[in-house]
Amino acid sequence: MASTVKTILRSLQGSPKAPGDVVAETRLPRYLVLASFRCLEELGFIKTLYSKGSYKLYVLTERGEQFLEEDEIPSTLPQEVGEVAA
């Protein structure tokens, strides 16, 4: 599940996206992306930027950015160690 969260958050880095955009980009199941969006918004990792009817655009929050930065493997580790740790 942690890798799913990271994948979704990384997809939102740099530009706002609708859940459908994330599904298309990551090829994760739609139900999983939608459920994750609800949880991530409640946790404050993403927020709604635009909403009209059932269409919503989400953006990564500062808290979401910090989570990705803190959760990354330090770049000072050799590549082989980073691959084993992941």
Protein backbone atom coordinates (compact mmCIF):
# COMPACT_ATOMS: atom_id res chain seq x y z
CA MET A 1 0.00 0.00 0.00
CA ALA A 2 2.86 2.39 0.76
CA SER A 3 4.11 2.06 -2.82
CA THR A 4 0.61 2.88 -4.10
CA VAL A 5 0.51 6.04 -2.01
CA LYS A 6 3.95 7.09 -3.24
CA THR A 7 2.95 6.41 -6.84
CA ILE A 8 -0.17 8.55 -6.52
CA LEU A 9 1.63 11.39 -4.75
CA ARG A 10 4.47 11.37 -7.30
CA SER A 11 1.90 11.55 -10.07
CA LEU A 12 0.52 14.75 -8.52
CA GLN A 13 3.93 16.41 -8.25
CA GLY A 14 4.23 19.38 -10.55
CA SER A 15 0.68 19.69 -11.80
CA PRO A 16 -2.92 19.34 -10.62
CA LYS A 17 -4.69 16.21 -11.77
CA ALA A 18 -8.07 14.55 -11.67
CA PRO A 19 -8.27 10.98 -10.37
CA GLY A 20 -8.83 9.79 -13.95
CA ASP A 21 -5.54 11.39 -14.99
CA VAL A 22 -3.73 9.51 -12.23
CA VAL A 23 -5.41 6.25 -13.27
CA ALA A 24 -4.29 6.77 -16.89
CA GLU A 25 -0.75 7.73 -15.89
CA THR A 26 -0.13 5.05 -13.25
CA ARG A 27 -2.41 2.26 -14.55
CA LEU A 28 -3.62 1.68 -10.99
CA PRO A 29 -7.21 0.46 -10.63
CA ARG A 30 -9.73 3.31 -10.56
CA TYR A 31 -11.35 2.14 -7.31
CA LEU A 32 -7.95 2.14 -5.59
CA VAL A 33 -7.07 5.64 -6.79
CA LEU A 34 -10.45 7.05 -5.74
CA ALA A 35 -10.26 5.46 -2.28
CA SER A 36 -6.66 6.65 -1.87
CA PHE A 37 -7.60 10.20 -2.87
CA ARG A 38 -10.23 10.33 -0.14
CA CYS A 39 -7.75 9.13 2.49
CA LEU A 40 -4.91 11.34 1.26
CA GLU A 41 -7.16 14.39 1.35
CA GLU A 42 -8.27 13.59 4.92
CA LEU A 43 -4.60 13.23 5.91
CA GLY A 44 -3.76 16.59 4.35
CA PHE A 45 -1.39 15.20 1.69
CA ILE A 46 -3.54 16.48 -1.18
CA LYS A 47 -6.29 19.08 -1.50
CA THR A 48 -9.02 19.91 -3.96
CA LEU A 49 -7.96 22.73 -6.25
CA TYR A 50 -11.10 22.83 -8.40
CA SER A 51 -14.48 21.17 -8.15
CA LYS A 52 -17.49 21.26 -10.44
CA GLY A 53 -20.09 18.54 -10.09
CA SER A 54 -18.28 15.24 -9.83
CA TYR A 55 -15.14 16.58 -11.55
CA LYS A 56 -12.31 17.52 -9.20
CA LEU A 57 -8.71 18.55 -9.65
CA TYR A 58 -6.31 17.76 -6.85
CA VAL A 59 -2.92 19.17 -5.98
CA LEU A 60 -0.16 17.94 -3.73
CA THR A 61 0.11 19.90 -0.46
CA GLU A 62 3.26 20.90 1.34
CA ARG A 63 2.65 18.02 3.75
CA GLY A 64 2.47 15.62 0.80
CA GLU A 65 5.72 17.00 -0.61
CA GLN A 66 7.41 16.60 2.79
CA PHE A 67 6.20 13.00 3.01
CA LEU A 68 7.75 12.18 -0.35
CA GLU A 69 11.03 13.91 0.55
CA GLU A 70 11.33 12.24 3.95
CA ASP A 71 10.36 8.85 2.61
CA GLU A 72 12.96 8.86 -0.17
CA ILE A 73 16.13 6.81 0.09
CA PRO A 74 19.07 9.19 0.71
CA SER A 75 20.95 9.93 -2.49
CA THR A 76 24.28 9.32 -0.71
CA LEU A 77 23.62 5.56 -0.61
CA PRO A 78 25.13 3.43 -3.36
CA GLN A 79 22.57 2.48 -6.02
CA GLU A 80 22.69 -1.22 -5.10
CA VAL A 81 21.84 -0.48 -1.45
CA GLY A 82 18.96 1.78 -2.46
CA GLU A 83 17.48 -0.95 -4.66
CA VAL A 84 17.65 -3.53 -1.84
CA ALA A 85 16.08 -1.12 0.66
CA ALA A 86 13.17 -0.34 -1.66
